[in-house]
C-alpha cells in the first residue's frame, strides 16, 4: 500500500523537473492545461482500476497524477504572482497554500467510512477529485496568459492588451510594461539548471529558494499528517475519534492558512519566517518529549494534541506559505526548478512506513530530526533579504540581485518619460 501511495511522490518529482521546460515552451496557462489533462487521465485510471482488477492501472494513475500535481505545484504560484500587481504578489502567492490545505480537508472528509472510505467505494475517493479539476481548470480557458511570459516571447502588443484588461489604467500599464521590459533586459535567461547554478549572481537567492522548499517539507509536516492518527490512538482514543481529531487538525490547518494573505501583506516576512521556524522547532521538541512520556503518563497525551495543534499554527506563519512566492520576490530565481526538493522527503516517509520505520530503537525522538531541519532557514537568515512589501532597506545577502534593481528602476523611469 505504501508503494502505491509513494508513486504519487515519484510522479511529483518528475513533474517538478519537467515544469521549467513546460513553462518556457507552453507558457504558464498552457502548462496548467496540460496538468489538468494529466490529472484527468490519472482520475480515470484510478476510477476504473477496481473494475479491471488491475494494480498496474492504479500505479500508473498515481504516477500520472503525481506528474500533473508537480506541474501545478511548480506553475500555479508563478502564474498568480505574474498576473497580480506588485503590491499583491506575496498575498496572491499564498493562495496556492490555501488550496493545498483546503484539498487536504476535502480529502479527509470524503475518506470517512460513511462516505467513500470503504472497501466498496475507495476507488471513487481516489478518482473523484476530477470534478474539482474540471471546476478549477475549465475557467482557465478564458484567463489571460502571463504578461511576463508573452513579453519574453517578444509579443509586446498582446502583453499590453492583457495588462490593460487586468489593470484598467493606461498610466499603470505603461509603467508596468516598462518595468517588465527592463527586468527582462537585465535578467540572465538560462536554459539549464547547470547554467543557473554557475551564475554567481543567483547563488544566494537560489540557496534561499531551495532551502525554503526543502525545509517546508522536511520540517515534519508530512510525517505529522502521516502519523497523526497513530498519535491519537496511542493517546488512548478510539480509531473513530482519532479520525475525527485528525480531521479537526486539517480544518485548523486550513483555517490558519486563510490568514496567510493578510499576514504576508501586513508583517515583515523575514521575521515571520524566522518566527515560524523557531516556534515549529519548539513545539516539535515538546511533542517528541510528550510522545516519549505518553506511555507512562496518560494525561500527557492531551499535551501532545496541544503541541501538535500549535505546531500546525506555527508552520502556517511562514514555512507553509512563503516558499510559494519567495523566488518571485527575490527576482530572477526560477522557483519551479526548486519545487521538487520537498518531494523526496514525502517519498522517504511513505516508504519508511512501509518497512516499519521509525524503528522502536529510535522511537518518537525522530521528531527531533525535523526540529533541526525546521531551523535551517535561521542559519542563513542574515543573508535573507527583506522581501517585497517589507519596509526596511535591503540586506547585502543578495547584493547581486539588489544591485540590479536600481538599473531596472532607472530604465523604467526612462521608458515612461519617453
Protein backbone atom coordinates (compact mmCIF):
# COMPACT_ATOMS: atom_id res chain seq x y z
CA UNK A 1 0.00 0.00 0.00
CA UNK A 2 2.82 2.40 0.84
CA UNK A 3 4.36 1.61 -2.55
CA UNK A 4 1.12 2.62 -4.27
CA UNK A 5 0.95 5.85 -2.26
CA UNK A 6 4.61 6.61 -2.95
CA UNK A 7 4.10 6.52 -6.71
CA UNK A 8 2.42 9.91 -6.37
CA UNK A 9 5.63 11.38 -4.90
CA UNK A 10 7.70 9.80 -7.68
CA UNK A 11 5.42 11.49 -10.18
CA UNK A 12 5.69 14.74 -8.24
CA UNK A 13 9.48 14.69 -8.60
CA UNK A 14 9.15 14.11 -12.36
CA UNK A 15 6.52 16.83 -12.71
CA UNK A 16 8.65 19.36 -10.84
CA UNK A 17 11.66 18.58 -13.01
CA UNK A 18 9.81 18.99 -16.32
CA UNK A 19 7.90 22.09 -15.19
CA UNK A 20 10.58 24.66 -16.20
CA UNK A 21 10.66 23.30 -19.77
CA UNK A 22 6.87 23.28 -19.98
CA UNK A 23 6.63 26.82 -18.65
CA UNK A 24 9.14 28.02 -21.23
CA UNK A 25 7.62 26.26 -24.24
CA UNK A 26 3.90 26.19 -23.40
CA UNK A 27 3.57 29.18 -21.10
CA UNK A 28 2.04 29.24 -17.62
CA UNK A 29 -1.51 28.84 -18.88
CA UNK A 30 -0.57 26.04 -21.27
CA UNK A 31 1.31 24.17 -18.55
CA UNK A 32 -1.72 24.34 -16.25
CA UNK A 33 -3.97 22.97 -19.00
CA UNK A 34 -1.53 20.10 -19.58
CA UNK A 35 -1.52 19.36 -15.85
CA UNK A 36 -5.32 19.31 -15.91
CA UNK A 37 -5.26 16.75 -18.71
CA UNK A 38 -2.78 14.59 -16.79
CA UNK A 39 -4.86 14.76 -13.61
CA UNK A 40 -7.98 13.81 -15.57
CA UNK A 41 -6.26 10.77 -17.10
CA UNK A 42 -4.99 9.79 -13.65
CA UNK A 43 -8.50 10.05 -12.20
CA UNK A 44 -9.93 7.82 -14.95
CA UNK A 45 -7.26 5.18 -14.35
CA UNK A 46 -7.92 5.17 -10.61
CA UNK A 47 -11.70 5.12 -11.01
CA UNK A 48 -11.66 2.06 -13.24
CA UNK A 49 -8.73 0.12 -11.75
CA UNK A 50 -11.07 -1.69 -9.35
CA UNK A 51 -13.42 -2.71 -12.16
CA UNK A 52 -10.46 -4.02 -14.17
CA UNK A 53 -8.83 -5.59 -11.08
CA UNK A 54 -5.59 -4.02 -12.23
CA UNK A 55 -2.93 -2.91 -9.78
CA UNK A 56 -0.94 -1.64 -12.76
CA UNK A 57 -3.71 0.84 -13.62
CA UNK A 58 -3.69 2.05 -10.03
CA UNK A 59 0.09 2.52 -10.03
CA UNK A 60 0.01 4.29 -13.39
CA UNK A 61 -2.81 6.52 -12.20
CA UNK A 62 -0.91 7.51 -9.08
CA UNK A 63 2.24 8.18 -11.11
CA UNK A 64 0.39 10.26 -13.72
CA UNK A 65 -1.45 12.19 -11.03
CA UNK A 66 1.82 12.95 -9.30
CA UNK A 67 3.30 14.34 -12.53
CA UNK A 68 0.26 16.57 -13.01
CA UNK A 69 0.35 17.72 -9.38
CA UNK A 70 4.08 18.50 -9.58
CA UNK A 71 3.42 20.59 -12.67
CA UNK A 72 0.62 22.50 -10.92
CA UNK A 73 2.70 22.93 -7.77
CA UNK A 74 5.52 24.49 -9.79
CA UNK A 75 3.46 26.60 -12.20
CA UNK A 76 0.43 27.98 -10.37
CA UNK A 77 2.29 30.16 -7.82
CA UNK A 78 4.36 31.71 -10.60
CA UNK A 79 1.23 32.29 -12.73
CA UNK A 80 -0.62 34.00 -9.89
CA UNK A 81 2.32 36.22 -8.94
CA UNK A 82 2.95 37.30 -12.54
CA UNK A 83 -0.71 38.22 -13.08
CA UNK A 84 -1.00 40.16 -9.83
CA UNK A 85 0.16 43.76 -9.34
CA UNK A 86 3.44 44.15 -7.48
CA UNK A 87 1.84 45.18 -4.19
CA UNK A 88 -0.20 41.95 -4.10
CA UNK A 89 2.43 39.50 -5.34
CA UNK A 90 3.14 37.98 -1.93
CA UNK A 91 -0.50 37.83 -0.86
CA UNK A 92 -1.60 36.18 -4.12
CA UNK A 93 1.18 33.60 -3.93
CA UNK A 94 -0.23 32.33 -0.63
CA UNK A 95 -3.43 31.11 -2.31
CA UNK A 96 -1.58 28.01 -3.51
CA UNK A 97 -1.01 27.07 0.13
CA UNK A 98 -4.69 27.73 0.88
CA UNK A 99 -5.69 25.45 -1.98
CA UNK A 100 -3.46 22.64 -0.72
CA UNK A 101 -4.75 22.83 2.86
CA UNK A 102 -8.33 23.03 1.61
CA UNK A 103 -7.75 19.96 -0.55
CA UNK A 104 -6.45 18.07 2.48
CA UNK A 105 -9.65 18.86 4.38
CA UNK A 106 -11.86 17.76 1.46
CA UNK A 107 -9.88 14.53 1.08
CA UNK A 108 -10.11 13.78 4.81
CA UNK A 109 -13.86 14.38 4.83
CA UNK A 110 -14.68 12.17 1.87
CA UNK A 111 -12.41 9.42 3.22
CA UNK A 112 -14.67 8.79 6.23
CA UNK A 113 -16.30 5.38 6.18
CA UNK A 114 -19.79 6.86 6.00
CA UNK A 115 -18.88 8.44 2.63
CA UNK A 116 -16.23 6.93 0.33
CA UNK A 117 -13.70 5.45 2.75
CA UNK A 118 -14.93 1.88 2.38
CA UNK A 119 -13.74 -1.22 0.55
CA UNK A 120 -16.59 -0.71 -1.91
CA UNK A 121 -16.02 2.94 -2.77
CA UNK A 122 -12.31 3.56 -2.21
CA UNK A 123 -11.69 3.97 -5.95
CA UNK A 124 -14.25 6.80 -6.01
CA UNK A 125 -12.33 8.53 -3.22
CA UNK A 126 -9.13 8.24 -5.27
CA UNK A 127 -10.53 9.47 -8.58
CA UNK A 128 -13.40 11.71 -7.51
CA UNK A 129 -11.13 14.74 -7.44
CA UNK A 130 -11.59 15.01 -11.22
CA UNK A 131 -14.74 17.04 -10.51
CA UNK A 132 -12.66 19.67 -8.71
CA UNK A 133 -10.07 19.60 -11.52
CA UNK A 134 -12.74 20.40 -14.10
CA UNK A 135 -14.28 23.13 -11.93
CA UNK A 136 -10.89 24.66 -11.23
CA UNK A 137 -9.29 24.49 -14.68
CA UNK A 138 -12.23 24.96 -17.07
CA UNK A 139 -12.35 28.75 -16.45
CA UNK A 140 -8.62 28.85 -17.29
CA UNK A 141 -9.61 28.76 -20.97
CA UNK A 142 -10.86 32.34 -20.57
CA UNK A 143 -7.99 33.52 -18.36
CA UNK A 144 -5.08 35.52 -19.84
CA UNK A 145 -1.56 34.24 -20.30
CA UNK A 146 1.19 35.62 -18.08
CA UNK A 147 2.27 39.09 -19.33
CA UNK A 148 5.88 38.36 -18.42
CA UNK A 149 5.85 35.15 -20.47
CA UNK A 150 4.37 36.91 -23.51
CA UNK A 151 6.92 39.70 -23.25
CA UNK A 152 9.75 37.15 -23.05
CA UNK A 153 8.48 35.82 -26.39
CA UNK A 154 8.55 39.32 -27.90
CA UNK A 155 4.76 39.74 -28.07
CA UNK A 156 4.56 43.31 -26.76
CA UNK A 157 1.16 44.12 -28.25
CA UNK A 158 -0.61 41.19 -26.63
CA UNK A 159 1.18 41.85 -23.36
CA UNK A 160 -0.12 45.41 -23.32
CA UNK A 161 -3.66 44.26 -24.15
CA UNK A 162 -3.63 41.81 -21.23
CA UNK A 163 -2.26 44.43 -18.83
CA UNK A 164 -4.99 46.87 -19.88
CA UNK A 165 -7.56 44.14 -19.19
CA UNK A 166 -6.06 43.43 -15.77
CA UNK A 167 -5.09 46.92 -14.52
CA UNK A 168 -7.75 49.21 -16.10
CA UNK A 169 -5.29 52.13 -16.02
CA UNK A 170 -3.24 53.29 -19.02
CA UNK A 171 -0.62 55.03 -16.88
CA UNK A 172 -0.15 51.99 -14.69
CA UNK A 173 0.02 49.73 -17.75
CA UNK A 174 2.78 51.87 -19.28
CA UNK A 175 4.75 51.78 -16.04
CA UNK A 176 4.37 48.04 -15.54
CA UNK A 177 5.12 47.27 -19.19
CA UNK A 178 8.31 49.29 -18.99
CA UNK A 179 9.24 47.53 -15.75
CA UNK A 180 8.75 44.08 -17.32
CA UNK A 181 10.86 45.06 -20.33
CA UNK A 182 13.62 46.44 -18.14
CA UNK A 183 13.57 43.40 -15.86
CA UNK A 184 13.83 41.06 -18.83
CA UNK A 185 16.65 43.16 -20.22
CA UNK A 186 18.83 42.78 -17.12
CA UNK A 187 17.72 39.24 -16.25
CA UNK A 188 20.02 36.43 -17.26
CA UNK A 189 17.87 33.87 -19.06
CA UNK A 190 19.39 30.38 -18.89
CA UNK A 191 18.17 27.18 -20.42
CA UNK A 192 19.56 24.63 -17.99
CA UNK A 193 19.87 24.13 -14.27
CA UNK A 194 23.65 23.92 -14.64
CA UNK A 195 23.73 27.42 -16.12
CA UNK A 196 21.64 28.76 -13.25
CA UNK A 197 23.95 27.16 -10.67
CA UNK A 198 27.03 28.61 -12.37
CA UNK A 199 25.58 32.12 -12.33
CA UNK A 200 27.21 33.78 -9.30
CA UNK A 201 24.51 36.47 -9.19
CA UNK A 202 21.90 33.84 -8.40
CA UNK A 203 23.88 31.79 -5.87
CA UNK A 204 22.41 33.21 -2.66
CA UNK A 205 18.84 33.62 -3.99
CA UNK A 206 18.99 30.05 -5.27
CA UNK A 207 20.19 28.78 -1.88
CA UNK A 208 17.35 30.63 -0.15
CA UNK A 209 14.64 29.37 -2.51
CA UNK A 210 15.92 25.78 -2.46
CA UNK A 211 16.28 25.72 1.32
CA UNK A 212 12.78 27.12 1.84
CA UNK A 213 11.19 24.48 -0.40
CA UNK A 214 13.27 21.71 1.15
CA UNK A 215 12.63 22.74 4.74
CA UNK A 216 8.92 23.30 4.09
CA UNK A 217 8.53 19.56 3.51
CA UNK A 218 11.29 18.31 5.82
CA UNK A 219 10.14 20.37 8.81
CA UNK A 220 7.91 17.42 9.69
CA UNK A 221 4.53 18.42 8.29
CA UNK A 222 4.24 15.27 6.15
CA UNK A 223 5.28 13.00 8.99
CA UNK A 224 2.75 14.71 11.23
CA UNK A 225 -0.10 14.04 8.81
CA UNK A 226 1.09 10.51 8.10
CA UNK A 227 1.32 9.50 11.77
CA UNK A 228 -1.32 11.79 13.34
CA UNK A 229 -3.98 9.06 13.59
CA UNK A 230 -1.43 6.78 15.27
CA UNK A 231 -0.56 9.55 17.71
CA UNK A 232 -4.21 9.91 18.68
CA UNK A 233 -4.80 6.17 19.03
CA UNK A 234 -1.63 5.83 21.13
CA UNK A 235 -3.04 8.58 23.32
CA UNK A 236 -5.93 6.27 24.17
CA UNK A 237 -8.59 7.45 21.74
CA UNK A 238 -10.60 5.01 19.65
CA UNK A 239 -9.91 4.85 15.91
CA UNK A 240 -13.17 6.65 15.12
CA UNK A 241 -12.39 9.50 17.50
CA UNK A 242 -8.80 9.63 16.22
CA UNK A 243 -10.04 10.08 12.65
CA UNK A 244 -12.26 12.96 13.70
CA UNK A 245 -9.40 14.56 15.63
CA UNK A 246 -7.23 14.22 12.55
CA UNK A 247 -9.97 15.93 10.52
CA UNK A 248 -10.12 18.71 13.13
CA UNK A 249 -6.38 19.26 12.75
CA UNK A 250 -6.91 19.52 8.99
CA UNK A 251 -9.61 22.14 9.50
CA UNK A 252 -7.27 24.06 11.82
CA UNK A 253 -4.55 23.90 9.18
CA UNK A 254 -6.93 25.32 6.55
CA UNK A 255 -8.32 28.00 8.87
CA UNK A 256 -4.87 29.32 9.80
CA UNK A 257 -3.80 29.24 6.14
CA UNK A 258 -6.70 31.58 5.31
CA UNK A 259 -4.90 34.31 7.27
CA UNK A 260 -1.82 33.90 5.04
CA UNK A 261 -2.58 36.71 2.55
CA UNK A 262 -3.19 39.16 5.38
CA UNK A 263 -0.07 38.12 7.31
CA UNK A 264 2.19 38.28 4.24
CA UNK A 265 0.89 41.77 3.42
CA UNK A 266 0.97 43.13 6.98
CA UNK A 267 4.14 41.80 8.62
CA UNK A 268 7.85 41.64 7.89
CA UNK A 269 8.29 38.37 6.03
CA UNK A 270 11.82 37.67 7.19
CA UNK A 271 10.68 37.95 10.81
CA UNK A 272 7.62 35.79 10.07
CA UNK A 273 9.81 33.07 8.56
CA UNK A 274 12.25 33.12 11.47
CA UNK A 275 9.38 33.09 13.97
CA UNK A 276 7.75 30.16 12.16
CA UNK A 277 10.98 28.16 12.22
CA UNK A 278 11.65 28.93 15.88
CA UNK A 279 8.14 28.09 17.10
CA UNK A 280 7.96 24.96 14.93
CA UNK A 281 11.19 23.66 16.44
CA UNK A 282 9.96 24.39 19.98
CA UNK A 283 6.61 22.65 19.54
CA UNK A 284 8.19 19.70 17.72
CA UNK A 285 10.64 19.29 20.61
CA UNK A 286 7.81 19.38 23.15
CA UNK A 287 5.85 16.91 21.02
CA UNK A 288 8.78 14.48 20.93
CA UNK A 289 9.12 14.64 24.72
CA UNK A 290 5.38 14.17 25.15
CA UNK A 291 5.28 11.16 22.83
CA UNK A 292 8.08 9.54 24.81
CA UNK A 293 6.32 10.12 28.15
CA UNK A 294 2.82 9.31 26.92
CA UNK A 295 3.07 5.58 27.62
CA UNK A 296 3.90 6.25 31.28
CA UNK A 297 1.69 9.27 31.91
CA UNK A 298 -1.61 9.09 30.07
CA UNK A 299 -2.53 12.73 30.70
CA UNK A 300 0.49 13.81 28.69
CA UNK A 301 -1.46 12.73 25.59
CA UNK A 302 -3.59 15.88 25.82
CA UNK A 303 -0.42 17.94 25.84
CA UNK A 304 0.71 16.13 22.69
CA UNK A 305 -2.52 17.12 20.95
CA UNK A 306 -1.94 20.73 22.03
CA UNK A 307 1.68 20.73 20.81
CA UNK A 308 0.61 19.17 17.52
CA UNK A 309 -2.00 21.90 17.02
CA UNK A 310 0.43 24.67 17.93
CA UNK A 311 2.98 23.24 15.50
CA UNK A 312 0.43 23.42 12.69
CA UNK A 313 -0.25 27.07 13.56
CA UNK A 314 3.48 27.86 13.67
CA UNK A 315 4.06 26.11 10.34
CA UNK A 316 1.49 28.34 8.62
CA UNK A 317 3.15 31.53 9.88
CA UNK A 318 5.94 31.23 7.32
CA UNK A 319 7.09 27.72 6.46
CA UNK A 320 3.76 26.93 4.81
CA UNK A 321 3.08 29.92 2.51
CA UNK A 322 6.41 31.66 1.89
CA UNK A 323 8.20 29.11 -0.33
CA UNK A 324 5.47 29.55 -2.95
CA UNK A 325 6.41 33.15 -3.76
CA UNK A 326 9.91 33.66 -2.33
CA UNK A 327 11.52 33.15 -5.77
CA UNK A 328 9.41 35.85 -7.38
CA UNK A 329 10.13 38.31 -4.57
CA UNK A 330 13.88 37.74 -4.92
CA UNK A 331 13.58 38.32 -8.70
CA UNK A 332 15.49 36.26 -11.21
CA UNK A 333 15.20 32.89 -9.49
CA UNK A 334 13.32 30.13 -11.28
CA UNK A 335 11.14 28.92 -8.42
CA UNK A 336 9.82 25.97 -10.39
CA UNK A 337 13.33 24.49 -10.54
CA UNK A 338 13.37 24.26 -6.74
CA UNK A 339 9.85 23.00 -6.02
CA UNK A 340 10.78 19.33 -6.37
CA UNK A 341 13.17 19.34 -3.44
CA UNK A 342 10.44 18.52 -0.94
CA UNK A 343 9.04 15.57 -2.87
CA UNK A 344 11.81 13.07 -1.93
CA UNK A 345 11.01 13.72 1.75
CA UNK A 346 7.38 12.64 1.27
CA UNK A 347 8.59 9.61 -0.68
CA UNK A 348 11.02 8.66 2.11
CA UNK A 349 8.31 9.00 4.79
CA UNK A 350 5.86 6.72 2.99
CA UNK A 351 8.47 4.10 2.08
CA UNK A 352 9.80 4.14 5.64
CA UNK A 353 6.31 3.45 6.94
CA UNK A 354 6.12 0.53 4.52
CA UNK A 355 9.16 -1.02 6.22
CA UNK A 356 8.10 -0.13 9.77
CA UNK A 357 10.44 2.83 10.22
CA UNK A 358 10.99 4.69 12.53
CA UNK A 359 12.20 1.64 14.44
CA UNK A 360 11.49 1.15 18.14
CA UNK A 361 15.13 1.79 18.99
CA UNK A 362 14.77 5.35 17.72
CA UNK A 363 11.10 5.82 18.59
CA UNK A 364 9.43 9.17 18.70
CA UNK A 365 12.72 11.02 19.05
CA UNK A 366 12.91 11.02 15.24
CA UNK A 367 10.75 14.12 15.56
CA UNK A 368 13.90 15.88 16.77
CA UNK A 369 15.39 15.39 13.30
CA UNK A 370 12.61 17.55 11.91
CA UNK A 371 13.27 20.05 14.69
CA UNK A 372 16.82 20.54 13.44
CA UNK A 373 15.70 20.77 9.82
CA UNK A 374 13.00 23.32 10.63
CA UNK A 375 15.74 25.62 11.96
CA UNK A 376 17.70 25.53 8.69
CA UNK A 377 16.45 28.91 7.36
CA UNK A 378 17.62 30.52 10.62
CA UNK A 379 21.17 29.57 9.68
CA UNK A 380 21.01 31.73 6.56
CA UNK A 381 18.70 34.43 7.93
CA UNK A 382 21.41 37.16 7.96
CA UNK A 383 21.62 36.70 4.17
CA UNK A 384 17.85 36.67 3.66
CA UNK A 385 16.81 39.96 2.06
CA UNK A 386 13.69 41.78 3.11
CA UNK A 387 11.11 40.82 0.56
CA UNK A 388 8.64 42.88 -1.45
CA UNK A 389 6.34 44.68 0.98
CA UNK A 390 8.94 44.93 3.77
CA UNK A 391 9.88 48.48 4.61
CA UNK A 392 13.47 48.23 5.75
CA UNK A 393 16.50 48.58 3.43
CA UNK A 394 17.70 45.51 1.60
CA UNK A 395 20.42 43.45 3.25
CA UNK A 396 23.63 42.61 1.49
CA UNK A 397 22.99 38.87 1.24
CA UNK A 398 21.57 39.14 -2.28
CA UNK A 399 23.66 42.06 -3.32
CA UNK A 400 23.92 40.96 -6.91
CA UNK A 401 20.17 40.95 -7.31
CA UNK A 402 19.69 44.10 -5.24
CA UNK A 403 22.33 45.90 -7.29
CA UNK A 404 20.32 45.28 -10.44
CA UNK A 405 17.15 46.85 -9.06
CA UNK A 406 18.29 50.47 -9.40
CA UNK A 407 19.15 49.69 -13.03
CA UNK A 408 15.64 48.36 -13.59
CA UNK A 409 14.07 51.39 -11.90
CA UNK A 410 16.18 53.81 -13.96
CA UNK A 411 15.18 52.07 -17.17
CA UNK A 412 11.52 52.13 -16.15
CA UNK A 413 11.62 55.86 -15.45
CA UNK A 414 13.35 56.50 -18.79
CA UNK A 415 10.83 54.45 -20.77
CA UNK A 416 7.83 56.01 -19.03
CA UNK A 417 9.26 59.50 -19.60
CA UNK A 418 9.72 58.75 -23.29
